[in-house]
Amino acid sequence: MHKSSLEELQNTHSNKINTIARFAKQGLRKVPEVTVYFWIVKLLTTAMGEATSDFLVTSIDPYIAVALGGIGLLVALILQLSVRRYVAWIYWFAVVMVAIVGTMAADVIHVVVGISYVTSAVFFSVALAVIFIAWYACEKTLSIHSITTLRRELFYWATVMATFALGTAVGDLTAATLHLGYLASGVLFAVLFAAPALAYRLFGLNEIVAFWLAYIVTRPLGASFADWFGKSALDGLGLGDTKVAVILTILIVGFVAYLSSTRKDSKNE
């Protein structure tokens, strides 16, 4: 056999092995690819979590609402942690429950305990920073694409929960404490959401840093517009939390069904 033929055969074999390894690694990932669909559904869940949480705590006993939310979150996380790969409806169900419970947690701290939004925002900021530091110290990466082990997934969900609680506090801080109102707060957070993407594309901001900065802002961004549509106070349109929650739920179900059938968020870009 000629040397060139042997080298070609070796290269072909090596490429096959690399392809198999790449797909094996992809199959183990527990989170979706970061595409435009990811950001759309993420923003919808943040808004839906805000509206649903407000609807529940005002329609039934707040303590029962929190208990039900906690049970729902536990079930969702058990489902998510038990599967071996990313499954769209399971993953986004977990995100929805984190959105609802994260909103409740921040609201309980303010309404029931009486802690100001400034204090709770600082507290959750510190908590998020501690989680990031611990995650990086253990895993040497904060990449969403590295969620292939149980420990990394636990760090990931702890981070997600902290970002939701922080975002709820910050959104209420700007709208109520700083008197910006819901619409102005939404516009402010829309600008802050776009800033990391622009910094990444124009100035070479680290991809992982840009992702998490944008991810954190999605919570107050979605919640601000949900409150603007649903509430009548603070310049809101007053459509009602129930209507907003139902509409957003329908949109989320539609997008997740589409992603489940097309798998557009589980393929390499």
Protein backbone atom coordinates (compact mmCIF):
# COMPACT_ATOMS: atom_id res chain seq x y z
CA MET A 1 0.00 0.00 0.00
CA HIS A 2 1.33 3.38 -0.93
CA LYS A 3 2.30 5.75 1.85
CA SER A 4 -0.20 8.36 0.68
CA SER A 5 -3.02 5.80 0.69
CA LEU A 6 -2.08 4.69 4.20
CA GLU A 7 -2.07 8.28 5.45
CA GLU A 8 -5.43 8.90 3.78
CA LEU A 9 -6.88 5.80 5.47
CA GLN A 10 -5.51 6.90 8.84
CA ASN A 11 -6.96 10.39 8.41
CA THR A 12 -10.36 8.96 7.48
CA HIS A 13 -10.31 6.68 10.52
CA SER A 14 -9.29 9.57 12.77
CA ASN A 15 -12.07 11.79 11.41
CA LYS A 16 -14.63 9.05 12.07
CA ILE A 17 -13.45 8.69 15.66
CA ASN A 18 -13.60 12.46 16.19
CA THR A 19 -17.10 12.59 14.73
CA ILE A 20 -18.32 9.78 16.99
CA ALA A 21 -16.75 11.46 20.02
CA ARG A 22 -18.32 14.79 19.12
CA PHE A 23 -21.79 13.31 18.80
CA ALA A 24 -21.34 11.30 21.99
CA LYS A 25 -20.43 14.44 23.86
CA GLN A 26 -23.34 16.31 22.28
CA GLY A 27 -25.72 13.58 23.38
CA LEU A 28 -24.61 13.97 26.99
CA ARG A 29 -25.30 17.69 27.13
CA LYS A 30 -28.16 18.60 29.41
CA VAL A 31 -28.83 22.11 28.09
CA PRO A 32 -29.85 23.48 24.68
CA GLU A 33 -27.66 25.17 22.13
CA VAL A 34 -27.60 28.94 22.52
CA THR A 35 -29.58 30.06 19.49
CA VAL A 36 -32.14 32.79 18.90
CA TYR A 37 -34.78 30.28 20.02
CA PHE A 38 -33.02 29.90 23.35
CA TRP A 39 -33.24 33.62 24.06
CA ILE A 40 -36.86 33.88 22.87
CA VAL A 41 -38.08 31.06 25.12
CA LYS A 42 -35.91 32.26 28.00
CA LEU A 43 -37.48 35.73 27.85
CA LEU A 44 -40.96 34.22 27.59
CA THR A 45 -40.34 32.09 30.68
CA THR A 46 -39.10 35.05 32.71
CA ALA A 47 -42.21 37.03 31.85
CA MET A 48 -44.50 34.06 32.39
CA GLY A 49 -42.90 33.31 35.77
CA GLU A 50 -43.53 36.86 36.93
CA ALA A 51 -47.18 36.91 35.85
CA THR A 52 -47.92 33.41 37.13
CA SER A 53 -46.30 34.02 40.50
CA ASP A 54 -48.24 37.24 41.01
CA PHE A 55 -51.46 35.52 39.97
CA LEU A 56 -50.97 32.61 42.37
CA VAL A 57 -50.04 34.63 45.46
CA THR A 58 -53.02 36.94 44.99
CA SER A 59 -55.57 34.26 44.03
CA ILE A 60 -54.87 31.71 46.77
CA ASP A 61 -53.18 31.73 50.16
CA PRO A 62 -49.59 32.94 49.57
CA TYR A 63 -48.13 30.20 51.77
CA ILE A 64 -50.02 27.53 49.81
CA ALA A 65 -48.86 29.15 46.56
CA VAL A 66 -45.23 29.04 47.68
CA ALA A 67 -45.61 25.42 48.82
CA LEU A 68 -47.14 24.39 45.48
CA GLY A 69 -44.39 26.25 43.64
CA GLY A 70 -41.75 24.48 45.68
CA ILE A 71 -43.27 21.08 44.94
CA GLY A 72 -43.47 21.90 41.24
CA LEU A 73 -39.83 23.01 41.21
CA LEU A 74 -38.72 19.84 42.99
CA VAL A 75 -40.56 17.64 40.49
CA ALA A 76 -39.14 19.60 37.54
CA LEU A 77 -35.56 19.37 38.80
CA ILE A 78 -35.87 15.66 39.54
CA LEU A 79 -37.06 15.12 35.98
CA GLN A 80 -34.26 17.25 34.56
CA LEU A 81 -31.54 15.58 36.61
CA SER A 82 -32.82 12.08 35.86
CA VAL A 83 -32.57 12.27 32.06
CA ARG A 84 -29.22 11.65 30.40
CA ARG A 85 -29.47 14.27 27.65
CA TYR A 86 -31.23 17.50 26.82
CA VAL A 87 -34.99 17.05 26.39
CA ALA A 88 -36.70 20.28 25.40
CA TRP A 89 -39.95 20.03 27.37
CA ILE A 90 -38.23 18.77 30.53
CA TYR A 91 -35.54 21.46 30.44
CA TRP A 92 -37.97 24.33 29.82
CA PHE A 93 -40.42 22.98 32.39
CA ALA A 94 -37.59 23.25 34.92
CA VAL A 95 -36.81 26.81 33.78
CA VAL A 96 -40.49 27.79 34.08
CA MET A 97 -40.68 26.45 37.63
CA VAL A 98 -37.45 28.24 38.57
CA ALA A 99 -38.97 31.43 37.14
CA ILE A 100 -42.12 31.08 39.23
CA VAL A 101 -40.38 30.09 42.47
CA GLY A 102 -37.57 32.60 41.99
CA THR A 103 -40.14 35.36 41.74
CA MET A 104 -41.90 34.10 44.85
CA ALA A 105 -38.64 33.94 46.80
CA ALA A 106 -37.70 37.53 46.03
CA ASP A 107 -41.25 38.76 46.70
CA VAL A 108 -41.50 36.90 50.02
CA ILE A 109 -38.23 38.42 51.18
CA HIS A 110 -39.58 41.90 50.43
CA VAL A 111 -43.28 41.62 51.33
CA VAL A 112 -43.25 39.15 54.22
CA VAL A 113 -39.81 39.68 55.75
CA GLY A 114 -39.72 43.38 54.92
CA ILE A 115 -36.25 43.50 53.38
CA SER A 116 -35.78 46.26 50.82
CA TYR A 117 -35.19 45.55 47.14
CA VAL A 118 -31.75 47.14 47.43
CA THR A 119 -30.73 44.77 50.20
CA SER A 120 -32.15 41.70 48.49
CA ALA A 121 -30.51 42.70 45.18
CA VAL A 122 -27.15 42.98 46.93
CA PHE A 123 -27.71 39.67 48.74
CA PHE A 124 -28.58 37.75 45.58
CA SER A 125 -25.68 39.41 43.72
CA VAL A 126 -23.28 38.13 46.36
CA ALA A 127 -24.92 34.69 46.28
CA LEU A 128 -24.56 34.55 42.50
CA ALA A 129 -20.92 35.60 42.70
CA VAL A 130 -20.21 32.88 45.29
CA ILE A 131 -21.83 30.25 43.06
CA PHE A 132 -19.78 31.38 40.05
CA ILE A 133 -16.56 31.31 42.08
CA ALA A 134 -17.28 27.86 43.50
CA TRP A 135 -18.31 26.54 40.07
CA TYR A 136 -15.14 27.81 38.40
CA ALA A 137 -12.93 26.61 41.25
CA CYS A 138 -14.31 23.09 40.88
CA GLU A 139 -14.74 22.82 37.11
CA LYS A 140 -12.37 25.47 35.64
CA THR A 141 -15.12 26.60 33.27
CA LEU A 142 -18.49 28.34 33.37
CA SER A 143 -19.46 27.41 29.84
CA ILE A 144 -23.04 26.33 29.24
CA HIS A 145 -21.65 23.88 26.67
CA SER A 146 -19.77 22.01 29.41
CA ILE A 147 -22.89 20.82 31.26
CA THR A 148 -22.16 17.11 30.81
CA THR A 149 -21.81 15.93 34.43
CA LEU A 150 -24.12 15.94 37.44
CA ARG A 151 -21.93 18.32 39.45
CA ARG A 152 -21.75 20.84 36.64
CA GLU A 153 -25.49 20.61 36.16
CA LEU A 154 -26.09 21.26 39.86
CA PHE A 155 -23.88 24.35 39.65
CA TYR A 156 -25.78 25.41 36.54
CA TRP A 157 -29.22 25.18 38.15
CA ALA A 158 -28.01 26.90 41.30
CA THR A 159 -26.81 29.72 39.06
CA VAL A 160 -30.11 29.85 37.17
CA MET A 161 -32.09 30.08 40.41
CA ALA A 162 -29.85 32.84 41.73
CA THR A 163 -30.20 34.85 38.50
CA PHE A 164 -34.00 34.65 38.68
CA ALA A 165 -34.15 35.81 42.28
CA LEU A 166 -31.63 38.58 41.58
CA GLY A 167 -33.44 39.69 38.44
CA THR A 168 -36.77 39.87 40.25
CA ALA A 169 -35.30 42.08 42.96
CA VAL A 170 -33.50 44.33 40.47
CA GLY A 171 -36.59 44.69 38.27
CA ASP A 172 -38.76 45.72 41.21
CA LEU A 173 -35.98 48.00 42.41
CA THR A 174 -35.89 50.02 39.19
CA ALA A 175 -39.67 50.07 38.68
CA ALA A 176 -40.82 50.80 42.24
CA THR A 177 -37.93 52.03 44.38
CA LEU A 178 -36.33 54.17 41.67
CA HIS A 179 -39.78 55.12 40.27
CA LEU A 180 -38.93 54.33 36.66
CA GLY A 181 -42.12 52.37 36.12
CA TYR A 182 -42.42 49.08 34.26
CA LEU A 183 -42.07 50.34 30.69
CA ALA A 184 -38.99 52.47 31.32
CA SER A 185 -37.45 49.60 33.29
CA GLY A 186 -38.15 47.24 30.40
CA VAL A 187 -36.47 49.59 27.92
CA LEU A 188 -33.48 49.98 30.26
CA PHE A 189 -33.04 46.22 30.58
CA ALA A 190 -33.49 45.75 26.83
CA VAL A 191 -30.48 48.00 26.30
CA LEU A 192 -28.51 46.15 28.98
CA PHE A 193 -29.48 42.83 27.39
CA ALA A 194 -28.16 43.90 23.99
CA ALA A 195 -24.94 45.39 25.38
CA PRO A 196 -23.05 42.09 26.01
CA ALA A 197 -23.83 40.84 22.49
CA LEU A 198 -22.52 44.06 20.98
CA ALA A 199 -19.46 43.98 23.21
CA TYR A 200 -18.80 40.38 22.15
CA ARG A 201 -19.12 41.11 18.43
CA LEU A 202 -17.43 44.52 18.32
CA PHE A 203 -14.88 44.44 21.12
CA GLY A 204 -14.15 40.77 21.65
CA LEU A 205 -15.77 40.35 25.05
CA ASN A 206 -15.29 36.81 26.33
CA GLU A 207 -18.10 34.59 25.03
CA ILE A 208 -18.89 33.04 28.42
CA VAL A 209 -18.91 36.43 30.18
CA ALA A 210 -21.18 37.86 27.49
CA PHE A 211 -23.57 34.93 27.80
CA TRP A 212 -23.99 35.16 31.57
CA LEU A 213 -24.33 38.95 31.55
CA ALA A 214 -27.13 38.68 29.02
CA TYR A 215 -28.67 35.73 30.84
CA ILE A 216 -28.88 37.63 34.13
CA VAL A 217 -30.61 40.57 32.44
CA THR A 218 -33.26 38.39 30.78
CA ARG A 219 -35.04 38.06 34.12
CA PRO A 220 -35.74 41.75 34.87
CA LEU A 221 -36.30 42.38 31.15
CA GLY A 222 -39.05 39.79 30.79
CA ALA A 223 -40.56 40.55 34.20
CA SER A 224 -40.72 44.29 33.54
CA PHE A 225 -42.73 43.85 30.36
CA ALA A 226 -44.96 41.21 31.98
CA ASP A 227 -45.75 43.65 34.77
CA TRP A 228 -46.27 46.47 32.27
CA PHE A 229 -48.87 44.44 30.41
CA GLY A 230 -50.50 42.94 33.48
CA LYS A 231 -50.44 45.62 36.18
CA SER A 232 -52.34 48.90 36.29
CA ALA A 233 -49.91 50.60 38.70
CA LEU A 234 -46.58 52.18 37.72
CA ASP A 235 -47.77 53.07 34.18
CA GLY A 236 -48.92 49.50 33.45
CA LEU A 237 -51.61 48.66 30.89
CA GLY A 238 -53.65 46.69 33.43
CA LEU A 239 -54.56 43.69 31.27
CA GLY A 240 -54.34 41.40 34.28
CA ASP A 241 -51.78 38.83 35.40
CA THR A 242 -54.11 35.96 34.46
CA LYS A 243 -54.37 36.93 30.79
CA VAL A 244 -50.67 37.63 30.53
CA ALA A 245 -49.76 34.31 32.16
CA VAL A 246 -52.10 32.34 29.89
CA ILE A 247 -50.88 34.01 26.70
CA LEU A 248 -47.23 33.53 27.62
CA THR A 249 -47.84 29.89 28.56
CA ILE A 250 -49.40 29.23 25.16
CA LEU A 251 -46.42 30.85 23.42
CA ILE A 252 -43.94 28.82 25.48
CA VAL A 253 -45.77 25.56 24.75
CA GLY A 254 -45.79 26.41 21.05
CA PHE A 255 -42.08 27.18 20.88
CA VAL A 256 -41.08 24.16 22.96
CA ALA A 257 -43.24 21.86 20.80
CA TYR A 258 -41.54 23.31 17.72
CA LEU A 259 -38.08 22.78 19.22
CA SER A 260 -38.96 19.24 20.28
CA SER A 261 -40.00 18.32 16.75
CA THR A 262 -37.25 20.11 14.85
CA ARG A 263 -34.40 19.81 17.41
CA LYS A 264 -33.09 23.15 16.20
CA ASP A 265 -31.71 23.87 19.67
CA SER A 266 -29.82 20.61 20.03
CA LYS A 267 -27.66 20.75 16.93
CA ASN A 268 -24.25 22.33 16.55
CA GLU A 269 -24.45 25.77 14.97
